[in-house]
């Protein structure tokens, strides 16, 4: 069984990759990289949504060890994509303060809507692979372009 510390440590490692990219000085992106940056931001927002919603559900809505186990497995499946996204964002100069604030506001607004039913649906979607970045219709096209453009 997954211990909370295991999920937190694994999740923190992946979030640190994104944090590194997000902390780089903003404004360094060249026009040619704008499309890749936009794609990376789309995928990054999905990663943040899945990982933080799972944690919020478990801590604030109802303890759900299966959700945490599934979220940890999801993070593992997404690792290569997350690393690619972090590299693109870092190379493009990271996020501006406004982009960070917007991302935080979006996450906080979504947390307010979470209830037991939505948290159970999140677990089912994570477990089934529906939210996998290469399968979800909101992220699959962006991720494919990022991976195809990889050096």
C-alpha atoms as a PDB file:
ATOM      1  CA  UNK A   1       0.000   0.000   0.000  1.00  0.00           C
ATOM      2  CA  UNK A   2       1.183   3.510  -0.811  1.00  0.00           C
ATOM      3  CA  UNK A   3       2.144   5.626   2.138  1.00  0.00           C
ATOM      4  CA  UNK A   4       1.331   9.329   2.073  1.00  0.00           C
ATOM      5  CA  UNK A   5       5.032  10.096   2.331  1.00  0.00           C
ATOM      6  CA  UNK A   6       5.719   8.035  -0.818  1.00  0.00           C
ATOM      7  CA  UNK A   7       3.177   9.956  -2.881  1.00  0.00           C
ATOM      8  CA  UNK A   8       4.312  13.277  -1.489  1.00  0.00           C
ATOM      9  CA  UNK A   9       7.969  12.544  -2.206  1.00  0.00           C
ATOM     10  CA  UNK A  10       7.254  11.302  -5.748  1.00  0.00           C
ATOM     11  CA  UNK A  11       4.798  14.110  -6.497  1.00  0.00           C
ATOM     12  CA  UNK A  12       7.221  16.666  -5.075  1.00  0.00           C
ATOM     13  CA  UNK A  13       9.962  15.407  -7.359  1.00  0.00           C
ATOM     14  CA  UNK A  14       7.798  15.877 -10.433  1.00  0.00           C
ATOM     15  CA  UNK A  15       6.472  19.189  -9.241  1.00  0.00           C
ATOM     16  CA  UNK A  16      10.075  20.315  -8.594  1.00  0.00           C
ATOM     17  CA  UNK A  17      10.831  19.671 -12.261  1.00  0.00           C
ATOM     18  CA  UNK A  18       7.999  22.009 -13.168  1.00  0.00           C
ATOM     19  CA  UNK A  19       9.005  24.481 -10.463  1.00  0.00           C
ATOM     20  CA  UNK A  20      12.509  24.664 -11.909  1.00  0.00           C
ATOM     21  CA  UNK A  21      11.043  25.509 -15.282  1.00  0.00           C
ATOM     22  CA  UNK A  22       8.601  27.965 -13.764  1.00  0.00           C
ATOM     23  CA  UNK A  23      11.252  29.823 -11.791  1.00  0.00           C
ATOM     24  CA  UNK A  24      13.465  30.686 -14.740  1.00  0.00           C
ATOM     25  CA  UNK A  25      13.564  34.333 -15.772  1.00  0.00           C
ATOM     26  CA  UNK A  26      10.508  35.164 -17.923  1.00  0.00           C
ATOM     27  CA  UNK A  27      10.627  36.742 -21.346  1.00  0.00           C
ATOM     28  CA  UNK A  28      13.392  34.722 -22.967  1.00  0.00           C
ATOM     29  CA  UNK A  29      11.228  32.818 -25.455  1.00  0.00           C
ATOM     30  CA  UNK A  30      11.974  33.359 -29.123  1.00  0.00           C
ATOM     31  CA  UNK A  31       9.093  33.655 -31.570  1.00  0.00           C
ATOM     32  CA  UNK A  32       9.949  30.255 -33.078  1.00  0.00           C
ATOM     33  CA  UNK A  33       9.489  28.608 -29.691  1.00  0.00           C
ATOM     34  CA  UNK A  34       6.157  30.255 -28.885  1.00  0.00           C
ATOM     35  CA  UNK A  35       4.098  27.365 -30.278  1.00  0.00           C
ATOM     36  CA  UNK A  36       6.072  24.827 -28.265  1.00  0.00           C
ATOM     37  CA  UNK A  37       5.747  27.014 -25.172  1.00  0.00           C
ATOM     38  CA  UNK A  38       1.983  27.237 -25.647  1.00  0.00           C
ATOM     39  CA  UNK A  39       1.760  23.461 -26.010  1.00  0.00           C
ATOM     40  CA  UNK A  40       3.922  22.982 -22.917  1.00  0.00           C
ATOM     41  CA  UNK A  41       1.705  25.311 -20.901  1.00  0.00           C
ATOM     42  CA  UNK A  42      -1.406  23.354 -21.912  1.00  0.00           C
ATOM     43  CA  UNK A  43       0.175  20.084 -20.783  1.00  0.00           C
ATOM     44  CA  UNK A  44       1.649  21.621 -17.629  1.00  0.00           C
ATOM     45  CA  UNK A  45      -1.760  22.908 -16.548  1.00  0.00           C
ATOM     46  CA  UNK A  46      -3.203  19.405 -16.939  1.00  0.00           C
ATOM     47  CA  UNK A  47      -0.392  17.928 -14.823  1.00  0.00           C
ATOM     48  CA  UNK A  48      -0.991  20.498 -12.116  1.00  0.00           C
ATOM     49  CA  UNK A  49      -4.743  19.887 -12.252  1.00  0.00           C
ATOM     50  CA  UNK A  50      -4.493  16.105 -11.870  1.00  0.00           C
ATOM     51  CA  UNK A  51      -1.827  16.057  -9.156  1.00  0.00           C
ATOM     52  CA  UNK A  52      -3.168  18.894  -7.039  1.00  0.00           C
ATOM     53  CA  UNK A  53      -6.799  17.817  -7.369  1.00  0.00           C
ATOM     54  CA  UNK A  54      -5.898  14.311  -6.200  1.00  0.00           C
ATOM     55  CA  UNK A  55      -4.035  15.701  -3.231  1.00  0.00           C
ATOM     56  CA  UNK A  56      -6.839  18.162  -2.417  1.00  0.00           C
ATOM     57  CA  UNK A  57      -9.459  15.408  -2.623  1.00  0.00           C
ATOM     58  CA  UNK A  58      -7.462  13.198  -0.285  1.00  0.00           C
ATOM     59  CA  UNK A  59      -6.685  15.923   2.250  1.00  0.00           C
ATOM     60  CA  UNK A  60      -9.794  18.115   2.155  1.00  0.00           C
ATOM     61  CA  UNK A  61     -12.708  16.087   0.813  1.00  0.00           C
ATOM     62  CA  UNK A  62     -12.201  12.523   2.052  1.00  0.00           C
ATOM     63  CA  UNK A  63      -9.187  10.339   2.698  1.00  0.00           C
ATOM     64  CA  UNK A  64      -8.814   8.144  -0.350  1.00  0.00           C
ATOM     65  CA  UNK A  65      -5.704   5.937  -0.385  1.00  0.00           C
ATOM     66  CA  UNK A  66      -6.739   4.365  -3.709  1.00  0.00           C
ATOM     67  CA  UNK A  67      -6.865   7.792  -5.344  1.00  0.00           C
ATOM     68  CA  UNK A  68      -3.381   8.511  -4.042  1.00  0.00           C
ATOM     69  CA  UNK A  69      -2.094   5.146  -5.323  1.00  0.00           C
ATOM     70  CA  UNK A  70      -3.640   5.813  -8.721  1.00  0.00           C
ATOM     71  CA  UNK A  71      -2.247   9.359  -8.820  1.00  0.00           C
ATOM     72  CA  UNK A  72       1.238   8.037  -8.047  1.00  0.00           C
ATOM     73  CA  UNK A  73       0.925   5.504 -10.888  1.00  0.00           C
ATOM     74  CA  UNK A  74      -0.339   8.292 -13.182  1.00  0.00           C
ATOM     75  CA  UNK A  75       2.700  10.420 -12.315  1.00  0.00           C
ATOM     76  CA  UNK A  76       4.943   7.505 -13.188  1.00  0.00           C
ATOM     77  CA  UNK A  77       3.248   7.004 -16.546  1.00  0.00           C
ATOM     78  CA  UNK A  78       3.551  10.723 -17.339  1.00  0.00           C
ATOM     79  CA  UNK A  79       7.163  11.192 -16.221  1.00  0.00           C
ATOM     80  CA  UNK A  80       8.742  11.499 -19.690  1.00  0.00           C
ATOM     81  CA  UNK A  81       6.073  13.964 -20.792  1.00  0.00           C
ATOM     82  CA  UNK A  82       6.457  16.012 -17.605  1.00  0.00           C
ATOM     83  CA  UNK A  83      10.221  16.182 -18.053  1.00  0.00           C
ATOM     84  CA  UNK A  84       9.801  17.322 -21.674  1.00  0.00           C
ATOM     85  CA  UNK A  85       7.289  20.001 -20.656  1.00  0.00           C
ATOM     86  CA  UNK A  86       9.571  21.250 -17.882  1.00  0.00           C
ATOM     87  CA  UNK A  87      12.481  21.498 -20.338  1.00  0.00           C
ATOM     88  CA  UNK A  88      10.447  23.472 -22.873  1.00  0.00           C
ATOM     89  CA  UNK A  89       9.151  25.880 -20.250  1.00  0.00           C
ATOM     90  CA  UNK A  90      12.609  26.347 -18.765  1.00  0.00           C
ATOM     91  CA  UNK A  91      14.144  26.938 -22.200  1.00  0.00           C
ATOM     92  CA  UNK A  92      11.451  29.511 -23.001  1.00  0.00           C
ATOM     93  CA  UNK A  93      12.232  31.498 -19.865  1.00  0.00           C
ATOM     94  CA  UNK A  94       9.834  30.030 -17.319  1.00  0.00           C
ATOM     95  CA  UNK A  95       6.535  31.551 -16.314  1.00  0.00           C
ATOM     96  CA  UNK A  96       5.852  35.177 -15.645  1.00  0.00           C
ATOM     97  CA  UNK A  97       4.409  36.192 -12.306  1.00  0.00           C
ATOM     98  CA  UNK A  98       1.059  36.705 -14.040  1.00  0.00           C
ATOM     99  CA  UNK A  99       1.122  33.201 -15.542  1.00  0.00           C
ATOM    100  CA  UNK A 100       1.922  31.716 -12.124  1.00  0.00           C
ATOM    101  CA  UNK A 101      -0.860  33.727 -10.491  1.00  0.00           C
ATOM    102  CA  UNK A 102      -3.330  32.677 -13.200  1.00  0.00           C
ATOM    103  CA  UNK A 103      -2.372  29.018 -12.767  1.00  0.00           C
ATOM    104  CA  UNK A 104      -2.802  29.236  -8.985  1.00  0.00           C
ATOM    105  CA  UNK A 105      -6.167  30.985  -9.349  1.00  0.00           C
ATOM    106  CA  UNK A 106      -7.398  28.347 -11.795  1.00  0.00           C
ATOM    107  CA  UNK A 107      -6.392  25.529  -9.437  1.00  0.00           C
ATOM    108  CA  UNK A 108      -7.975  27.199  -6.406  1.00  0.00           C
ATOM    109  CA  UNK A 109     -11.229  27.804  -8.273  1.00  0.00           C
ATOM    110  CA  UNK A 110     -11.384  24.153  -9.312  1.00  0.00           C
ATOM    111  CA  UNK A 111     -10.719  22.930  -5.764  1.00  0.00           C
ATOM    112  CA  UNK A 112     -13.829  24.762  -4.579  1.00  0.00           C
ATOM    113  CA  UNK A 113     -15.938  22.591  -6.880  1.00  0.00           C
ATOM    114  CA  UNK A 114     -14.541  19.245  -5.714  1.00  0.00           C
ATOM    115  CA  UNK A 115     -16.827  16.965  -3.756  1.00  0.00           C
ATOM    116  CA  UNK A 116     -16.901  13.225  -3.073  1.00  0.00           C
ATOM    117  CA  UNK A 117     -18.498  12.457  -6.436  1.00  0.00           C
ATOM    118  CA  UNK A 118     -15.983  14.494  -8.412  1.00  0.00           C
ATOM    119  CA  UNK A 119     -13.092  13.031  -6.452  1.00  0.00           C
ATOM    120  CA  UNK A 120     -14.362   9.502  -7.144  1.00  0.00           C
ATOM    121  CA  UNK A 121     -14.681  10.394 -10.837  1.00  0.00           C
ATOM    122  CA  UNK A 122     -11.125  11.738 -10.789  1.00  0.00           C
ATOM    123  CA  UNK A 123      -9.908   8.421  -9.378  1.00  0.00           C
ATOM    124  CA  UNK A 124     -11.764   6.472 -12.068  1.00  0.00           C
ATOM    125  CA  UNK A 125     -10.407   8.717 -14.824  1.00  0.00           C
ATOM    126  CA  UNK A 126      -6.839   8.436 -13.535  1.00  0.00           C
ATOM    127  CA  UNK A 127      -7.098   4.666 -13.108  1.00  0.00           C
ATOM    128  CA  UNK A 128      -8.625   4.112 -16.552  1.00  0.00           C
ATOM    129  CA  UNK A 129      -5.971   6.197 -18.314  1.00  0.00           C
ATOM    130  CA  UNK A 130      -8.528   8.720 -19.547  1.00  0.00           C
ATOM    131  CA  UNK A 131      -6.418  11.544 -18.115  1.00  0.00           C
ATOM    132  CA  UNK A 132      -3.126  10.256 -19.510  1.00  0.00           C
ATOM    133  CA  UNK A 133      -1.519  13.167 -21.298  1.00  0.00           C
ATOM    134  CA  UNK A 134      -1.090  11.252 -24.554  1.00  0.00           C
ATOM    135  CA  UNK A 135      -4.764  10.176 -24.589  1.00  0.00           C
ATOM    136  CA  UNK A 136      -6.787  13.101 -23.279  1.00  0.00           C
ATOM    137  CA  UNK A 137      -8.181  15.281 -26.102  1.00  0.00           C
ATOM    138  CA  UNK A 138      -7.087  18.484 -24.321  1.00  0.00           C
ATOM    139  CA  UNK A 139      -3.440  17.426 -24.101  1.00  0.00           C
ATOM    140  CA  UNK A 140      -2.703  14.681 -26.654  1.00  0.00           C
ATOM    141  CA  UNK A 141      -2.243  16.966 -29.683  1.00  0.00           C
ATOM    142  CA  UNK A 142      -0.032  19.410 -27.750  1.00  0.00           C
ATOM    143  CA  UNK A 143       2.064  16.614 -26.284  1.00  0.00           C
ATOM    144  CA  UNK A 144       2.516  14.963 -29.673  1.00  0.00           C
ATOM    145  CA  UNK A 145       3.814  18.212 -31.150  1.00  0.00           C
ATOM    146  CA  UNK A 146       6.228  18.631 -28.217  1.00  0.00           C
ATOM    147  CA  UNK A 147       7.540  15.088 -28.525  1.00  0.00           C
ATOM    148  CA  UNK A 148       7.828  15.313 -32.318  1.00  0.00           C
ATOM    149  CA  UNK A 149       9.867  18.517 -31.950  1.00  0.00           C
ATOM    150  CA  UNK A 150      12.186  17.031 -29.320  1.00  0.00           C
ATOM    151  CA  UNK A 151      15.865  17.158 -30.318  1.00  0.00           C
END
